[in-house]
């Protein structure tokens, strides 16, 4: 074997070892025939780099091989990540590859969330990519709207103070000072008034206490009267009163209908006429007895007769007697 051939073989071996070592350092083992390569697309890789770990349920199964810009039409500016899986582990094309940060200060890795439904993924397939929010990303996402609101508040406050400076000129300031002085004077007067009211209340506290005591006594008496009324069996009294009123109504109804002696007396016109006539005759009889008592009681030793009754003459005699 010539010296040149030996030199060429050594150079070829060195080149192969160099290529193998370079790819090994990148995470590619050219001697491992079970290694599969998958692709995933992201808009932001969040600190992912070449040689970042690829895990399934926390177990390292591969590494990131290459990160480059996506050259497809309509996806320019997005990133295309190629990674390897060395373990003989099967999962479907519906599996999700998520970028996550194992620690706040460390880099990002890839985690395969396997899905076993559908067709199994083969080397060269594109999988679904997602980004898991890290601690700082979550804080940033929450602070962004807060920062926007804070900026809006600061702008509003600046406008408010600017308007206040414009409104509070010297004249307005003097007016405010005068208003404060007037308010202080008013508070002093209110204090004096309250002191006067306290004096009036102190002077009338005894009278108020007596009034309260009298009111309490009246209330107690009223309570006693109320108890007496409650215990008086008002229902029985009302019932008896109702019976009495019904009897009175029946009696008055009978009188109006001419029943009984009193009813006949009230409703019989003939009886009324007879009584009136009898009263008139009795009156005339009494008048006659008064004028001529000898006609009714006659004592005569000599046999003199009494004068007969003469109404006309008796009336004349009555008029003369009245004179």
Protein backbone atom coordinates (compact mmCIF):
# COMPACT_ATOMS: atom_id res chain seq x y z
CA UNK A 1 0.00 0.00 0.00
CA UNK A 2 1.37 3.29 -1.05
CA UNK A 3 1.94 6.19 1.25
CA UNK A 4 -0.59 8.34 -0.63
CA UNK A 5 -3.32 5.69 -0.24
CA UNK A 6 -2.71 5.44 3.49
CA UNK A 7 -2.86 9.23 3.75
CA UNK A 8 -6.19 9.30 1.81
CA UNK A 9 -7.71 6.55 3.99
CA UNK A 10 -6.69 8.39 7.19
CA UNK A 11 -8.07 11.65 5.83
CA UNK A 12 -11.38 9.96 4.92
CA UNK A 13 -11.62 8.40 8.39
CA UNK A 14 -10.94 11.80 9.98
CA UNK A 15 -13.62 13.43 7.82
CA UNK A 16 -16.18 10.72 8.73
CA UNK A 17 -15.33 11.03 12.42
CA UNK A 18 -15.58 14.82 12.15
CA UNK A 19 -19.00 14.60 10.44
CA UNK A 20 -20.21 12.02 12.96
CA UNK A 21 -18.93 14.05 15.91
CA UNK A 22 -20.43 17.26 14.58
CA UNK A 23 -23.83 15.64 14.14
CA UNK A 24 -23.47 13.90 17.50
CA UNK A 25 -22.86 17.21 19.15
CA UNK A 26 -25.98 18.50 17.39
CA UNK A 27 -27.91 15.57 18.83
CA UNK A 28 -27.89 13.34 15.75
CA UNK A 29 -26.50 9.89 16.01
CA UNK A 30 -25.77 8.76 12.46
CA UNK A 31 -25.06 5.21 13.66
CA UNK A 32 -28.47 4.80 15.26
CA UNK A 33 -30.91 3.53 12.61
CA UNK A 34 -33.92 3.82 14.99
CA UNK A 35 -33.74 7.62 15.09
CA UNK A 36 -36.82 9.37 13.63
CA UNK A 37 -37.13 13.02 12.70
CA UNK A 38 -40.25 15.16 13.00
CA UNK A 39 -41.09 18.74 12.16
CA UNK A 40 -43.23 21.29 13.99
CA UNK A 41 -44.10 24.94 13.21
CA UNK A 42 -44.12 27.82 15.69
CA UNK A 43 -44.63 31.56 15.51
CA UNK A 44 -42.35 32.02 18.53
CA UNK A 45 -39.99 29.42 19.98
CA UNK A 46 -39.56 31.20 23.35
CA UNK A 47 -35.82 30.55 23.89
CA UNK A 48 -35.67 27.10 22.25
CA UNK A 49 -32.25 26.31 20.74
CA UNK A 50 -30.40 23.55 18.94
CA UNK A 51 -29.69 20.53 21.14
CA UNK A 52 -32.62 21.39 23.44
CA UNK A 53 -34.11 18.29 25.01
CA UNK A 54 -37.17 16.45 23.71
CA UNK A 55 -39.09 14.57 26.40
CA UNK A 56 -42.14 12.33 26.74
CA UNK A 57 -43.65 12.36 30.23
CA UNK A 58 -40.36 13.84 31.54
CA UNK A 59 -38.12 11.17 29.92
CA UNK A 60 -35.53 12.36 27.39
CA UNK A 61 -36.24 10.73 24.03
CA UNK A 62 -34.38 13.06 21.66
CA UNK A 63 -33.18 16.56 20.94
CA UNK A 64 -33.73 19.53 18.69
CA UNK A 65 -31.79 19.12 15.47
CA UNK A 66 -32.44 22.28 13.51
CA UNK A 67 -34.31 25.58 13.78
CA UNK A 68 -34.88 27.63 10.64
CA UNK A 69 -37.35 30.11 9.15
CA UNK A 70 -40.35 28.63 7.39
CA UNK A 71 -40.07 29.18 3.66
CA UNK A 72 -43.67 28.23 2.81
CA UNK A 73 -45.82 30.87 1.18
CA UNK A 74 -48.11 32.54 3.75
CA UNK A 75 -45.95 31.39 6.71
CA UNK A 76 -42.94 33.60 6.22
CA UNK A 77 -41.48 34.83 9.48
CA UNK A 78 -42.62 31.70 11.33
CA UNK A 79 -40.10 29.15 12.57
CA UNK A 80 -39.69 25.52 11.58
CA UNK A 81 -38.22 23.20 14.21
CA UNK A 82 -36.81 19.78 13.38
CA UNK A 83 -36.23 17.34 16.24
CA UNK A 84 -35.24 13.71 16.64
CA UNK A 85 -36.76 10.88 18.64
CA UNK A 86 -34.33 8.03 19.38
CA UNK A 87 -36.57 5.84 21.50
CA UNK A 88 -38.75 3.25 19.85
CA UNK A 89 -42.00 4.79 21.11
CA UNK A 90 -45.08 4.98 18.90
CA UNK A 91 -47.58 7.88 18.90
CA UNK A 92 -50.08 9.22 16.37
CA UNK A 93 -49.93 12.26 14.11
CA UNK A 94 -52.43 14.00 16.44
CA UNK A 95 -49.79 14.26 19.17
CA UNK A 96 -48.89 17.75 20.38
CA UNK A 97 -45.34 19.09 20.72
CA UNK A 98 -45.25 21.81 23.38
CA UNK A 99 -42.45 24.28 24.13
CA UNK A 100 -41.95 24.62 27.89
CA UNK A 101 -39.43 26.10 30.30
CA UNK A 102 -38.33 23.71 33.08
CA UNK A 103 -37.05 26.66 35.17
CA UNK A 104 -37.59 30.44 35.01
CA UNK A 105 -33.89 31.09 34.39
CA UNK A 106 -33.16 28.16 32.06
CA UNK A 107 -33.79 27.59 28.38
CA UNK A 108 -36.77 25.95 26.76
CA UNK A 109 -37.29 22.30 25.82
CA UNK A 110 -39.82 20.31 23.78
CA UNK A 111 -42.36 18.01 25.41
CA UNK A 112 -44.30 15.51 23.29
CA UNK A 113 -47.85 14.98 24.57
CA UNK A 114 -48.62 11.66 22.91
CA UNK A 115 -51.95 10.84 21.34
CA UNK A 116 -52.68 7.26 20.37
CA UNK A 117 -55.74 7.78 18.21
CA UNK A 118 -55.41 7.63 14.44
CA UNK A 119 -52.47 6.88 12.21
CA UNK A 120 -49.03 6.54 13.80
CA UNK A 121 -46.52 9.31 13.09
CA UNK A 122 -43.56 8.39 10.88
CA UNK A 123 -40.24 10.12 10.34
CA UNK A 124 -40.64 13.41 8.45
CA UNK A 125 -44.24 14.11 9.58
CA UNK A 126 -45.39 17.52 10.83
CA UNK A 127 -46.85 17.51 14.33
CA UNK A 128 -49.04 20.07 16.13
CA UNK A 129 -47.08 22.75 17.97
CA UNK A 130 -48.05 24.65 21.11
CA UNK A 131 -46.28 27.03 23.51
CA UNK A 132 -46.72 26.70 27.27
CA UNK A 133 -46.72 30.03 29.09
CA UNK A 134 -43.73 30.39 31.41
CA UNK A 135 -43.72 32.30 34.67
CA UNK A 136 -42.33 35.48 33.14
CA UNK A 137 -44.55 35.13 30.07
CA UNK A 138 -47.65 34.81 32.28
CA UNK A 139 -46.55 37.80 34.34
CA UNK A 140 -45.92 39.77 31.15
CA UNK A 141 -49.31 38.82 29.73
CA UNK A 142 -51.00 40.00 32.92
CA UNK A 143 -48.88 43.15 33.21
CA UNK A 144 -49.48 44.30 29.63
CA UNK A 145 -53.17 45.30 30.14
CA UNK A 146 -52.29 46.69 33.57
CA UNK A 147 -49.54 48.80 32.00
CA UNK A 148 -51.99 50.06 29.37
CA UNK A 149 -54.52 51.01 32.04
CA UNK A 150 -51.81 52.63 34.17
CA UNK A 151 -50.68 54.72 31.23
CA UNK A 152 -54.28 55.77 30.62
CA UNK A 153 -54.67 56.73 34.31
CA UNK A 154 -51.45 58.72 34.26
CA UNK A 155 -52.56 60.60 31.15
CA UNK A 156 -55.97 61.31 32.73
CA UNK A 157 -54.33 62.46 35.97
CA UNK A 158 -51.99 64.75 34.02
CA UNK A 159 -54.96 66.28 32.19
CA UNK A 160 -56.80 66.67 35.51
CA UNK A 161 -53.91 68.47 37.21
CA UNK A 162 -53.42 70.66 34.16
CA UNK A 163 -57.11 71.65 34.25
CA UNK A 164 -56.92 72.25 38.00
CA UNK A 165 -53.94 74.53 37.53
CA UNK A 166 -55.89 76.39 34.88
CA UNK A 167 -59.02 76.69 37.04
CA UNK A 168 -57.30 77.54 40.32
CA UNK A 169 -56.14 81.03 39.41
CA UNK A 170 -55.54 83.74 42.02
CA UNK A 171 -59.16 84.83 42.09
CA UNK A 172 -60.38 81.27 42.62
CA UNK A 173 -57.79 80.70 45.33
CA UNK A 174 -58.95 83.82 47.17
CA UNK A 175 -62.55 82.64 46.86
CA UNK A 176 -61.60 79.25 48.29
CA UNK A 177 -59.79 80.90 51.20
CA UNK A 178 -62.83 83.09 51.87
CA UNK A 179 -65.10 80.02 51.73
CA UNK A 180 -62.86 78.21 54.21
CA UNK A 181 -62.96 81.20 56.58
CA UNK A 182 -66.76 81.38 56.30
CA UNK A 183 -66.96 77.66 56.94
CA UNK A 184 -64.81 78.04 60.03
CA UNK A 185 -67.07 80.86 61.29
CA UNK A 186 -70.14 78.72 60.63
CA UNK A 187 -68.65 75.81 62.57
CA UNK A 188 -67.96 78.14 65.52
CA UNK A 189 -71.59 79.35 65.48
CA UNK A 190 -72.83 75.76 65.23
CA UNK A 191 -70.68 74.88 68.23
CA UNK A 192 -72.21 77.76 70.22
CA UNK A 193 -75.69 76.67 69.20
CA UNK A 194 -74.99 73.10 70.29
CA UNK A 195 -73.73 74.35 73.66
CA UNK A 196 -76.97 76.38 74.09
CA UNK A 197 -79.05 73.33 73.16
CA UNK A 198 -77.11 71.21 75.66
CA UNK A 199 -77.85 73.85 78.35
CA UNK A 200 -81.56 73.81 77.50
CA UNK A 201 -81.62 70.03 77.59
CA UNK A 202 -79.85 69.98 80.96
CA UNK A 203 -82.33 72.51 82.42
CA UNK A 204 -85.34 70.60 81.18
CA UNK A 205 -84.01 67.12 81.88
CA UNK A 206 -85.97 66.93 85.17
CA UNK A 207 -89.22 67.95 83.48
CA UNK A 208 -88.57 65.48 80.69
CA UNK A 209 -87.98 62.73 83.24
CA UNK A 210 -91.26 63.56 84.99
CA UNK A 211 -93.06 63.58 81.66
CA UNK A 212 -91.59 60.18 80.84
CA UNK A 213 -92.63 58.85 84.27
CA UNK A 214 -96.19 60.19 83.80
CA UNK A 215 -96.33 58.69 80.35
CA UNK A 216 -95.21 55.35 81.77
CA UNK A 217 -97.91 55.59 84.50
CA UNK A 218 -100.57 56.38 81.89
CA UNK A 219 -99.37 53.46 79.80
CA UNK A 220 -99.54 51.12 82.81
CA UNK A 221 -103.08 52.31 83.64
CA UNK A 222 -104.11 51.85 80.04
CA UNK A 223 -102.66 48.35 80.13
CA UNK A 224 -104.72 47.58 83.26
CA UNK A 225 -107.87 48.95 81.59
CA UNK A 226 -107.09 46.87 78.53
CA UNK A 227 -106.71 43.76 80.70
CA UNK A 228 -110.03 44.55 82.41
CA UNK A 229 -111.72 44.94 79.03
CA UNK A 230 -110.18 41.71 77.80
CA UNK A 231 -111.32 39.83 80.91
CA UNK A 232 -114.85 41.38 80.85
CA UNK A 233 -116.15 38.85 78.35
CA UNK A 234 -117.13 41.49 75.81
CA UNK A 235 -118.48 38.84 73.49
CA UNK A 236 -121.06 37.67 76.05
CA UNK A 237 -122.11 41.27 76.78
CA UNK A 238 -122.50 42.02 73.08
CA UNK A 239 -124.50 38.82 72.66
CA UNK A 240 -126.88 39.75 75.50
CA UNK A 241 -127.20 43.26 74.11
CA UNK A 242 -128.06 41.81 70.73
CA UNK A 243 -130.78 39.61 72.32
CA UNK A 244 -132.18 42.64 74.17
CA UNK A 245 -132.26 44.72 70.99
CA UNK A 246 -133.98 41.91 69.13
CA UNK A 247 -136.64 41.75 71.87
CA UNK A 248 -137.12 45.51 71.71
CA UNK A 249 -137.45 45.33 67.92
CA UNK A 250 -140.07 42.59 68.24
CA UNK A 251 -141.99 44.61 70.86
CA UNK A 252 -141.91 47.79 68.75
CA UNK A 253 -142.95 45.80 65.69
CA UNK A 254 -145.91 44.36 67.66
CA UNK A 255 -146.91 47.85 68.84
CA UNK A 256 -146.77 49.15 65.27
CA UNK A 257 -148.90 46.19 64.14
CA UNK A 258 -151.51 46.86 66.87
CA UNK A 259 -150.71 43.80 68.95
CA UNK A 260 -151.29 43.92 72.71
CA UNK A 261 -152.87 46.64 74.86
CA UNK A 262 -150.21 49.23 74.09
CA UNK A 263 -150.40 48.41 70.38
CA UNK A 264 -154.16 48.78 70.31
CA UNK A 265 -153.89 51.99 72.26
CA UNK A 266 -151.39 53.40 69.75
CA UNK A 267 -153.08 52.19 66.56
CA UNK A 268 -156.84 52.26 67.44
CA UNK A 269 -158.15 55.70 66.31
CA UNK A 270 -161.60 55.05 67.75
CA UNK A 271 -160.07 54.48 71.19
CA UNK A 272 -158.14 57.71 70.82
CA UNK A 273 -161.35 59.54 69.86
CA UNK A 274 -163.27 58.07 72.78
CA UNK A 275 -160.51 58.97 75.21
CA UNK A 276 -160.42 62.51 73.85
CA UNK A 277 -164.20 62.83 74.15
CA UNK A 278 -164.17 61.34 77.64
CA UNK A 279 -161.42 63.73 78.69
CA UNK A 280 -163.45 66.67 77.38
CA UNK A 281 -166.62 65.56 79.17
CA UNK A 282 -164.66 64.95 82.38
CA UNK A 283 -163.28 68.48 82.09
CA UNK A 284 -166.82 69.87 81.70
CA UNK A 285 -168.01 67.75 84.62
CA UNK A 286 -165.27 69.07 86.87
CA UNK A 287 -166.02 72.61 85.79
CA UNK A 288 -169.73 72.07 86.52
CA UNK A 289 -168.97 70.61 89.93
CA UNK A 290 -166.80 73.62 90.64
CA UNK A 291 -169.50 76.14 89.60
CA UNK A 292 -172.57 74.37 90.95
CA UNK A 293 -171.54 71.93 93.65
CA UNK A 294 -175.08 71.92 95.06
CA UNK A 295 -176.31 70.07 92.06
CA UNK A 296 -174.22 67.10 93.06
CA UNK A 297 -174.28 67.39 96.86
CA UNK A 298 -177.64 68.73 98.09
CA UNK A 299 -178.55 69.33 101.71
CA UNK A 300 -181.75 71.18 102.24
CA UNK A 301 -183.67 71.43 105.45
CA UNK A 302 -186.48 73.39 103.86
CA UNK A 303 -186.92 71.35 100.68
CA UNK A 304 -185.40 73.85 98.21
CA UNK A 305 -184.61 72.28 94.84
CA UNK A 306 -181.31 72.61 93.04
CA UNK A 307 -181.06 74.60 89.87
CA UNK A 308 -181.06 72.57 86.66
CA UNK A 309 -178.02 72.46 84.37
CA UNK A 310 -177.92 75.25 81.78
CA UNK A 311 -174.72 75.28 79.70
CA UNK A 312 -175.22 78.82 78.36
CA UNK A 313 -175.89 80.27 81.75
CA UNK A 314 -173.08 78.34 83.30
CA UNK A 315 -170.59 79.75 80.77
CA UNK A 316 -171.71 83.27 81.64
CA UNK A 317 -171.29 82.54 85.31
CA UNK A 318 -167.84 81.12 84.62
CA UNK A 319 -166.80 84.29 82.79
CA UNK A 320 -168.01 86.45 85.64
CA UNK A 321 -166.14 84.32 88.11
CA UNK A 322 -162.94 84.64 86.12
CA UNK A 323 -163.29 88.44 86.20
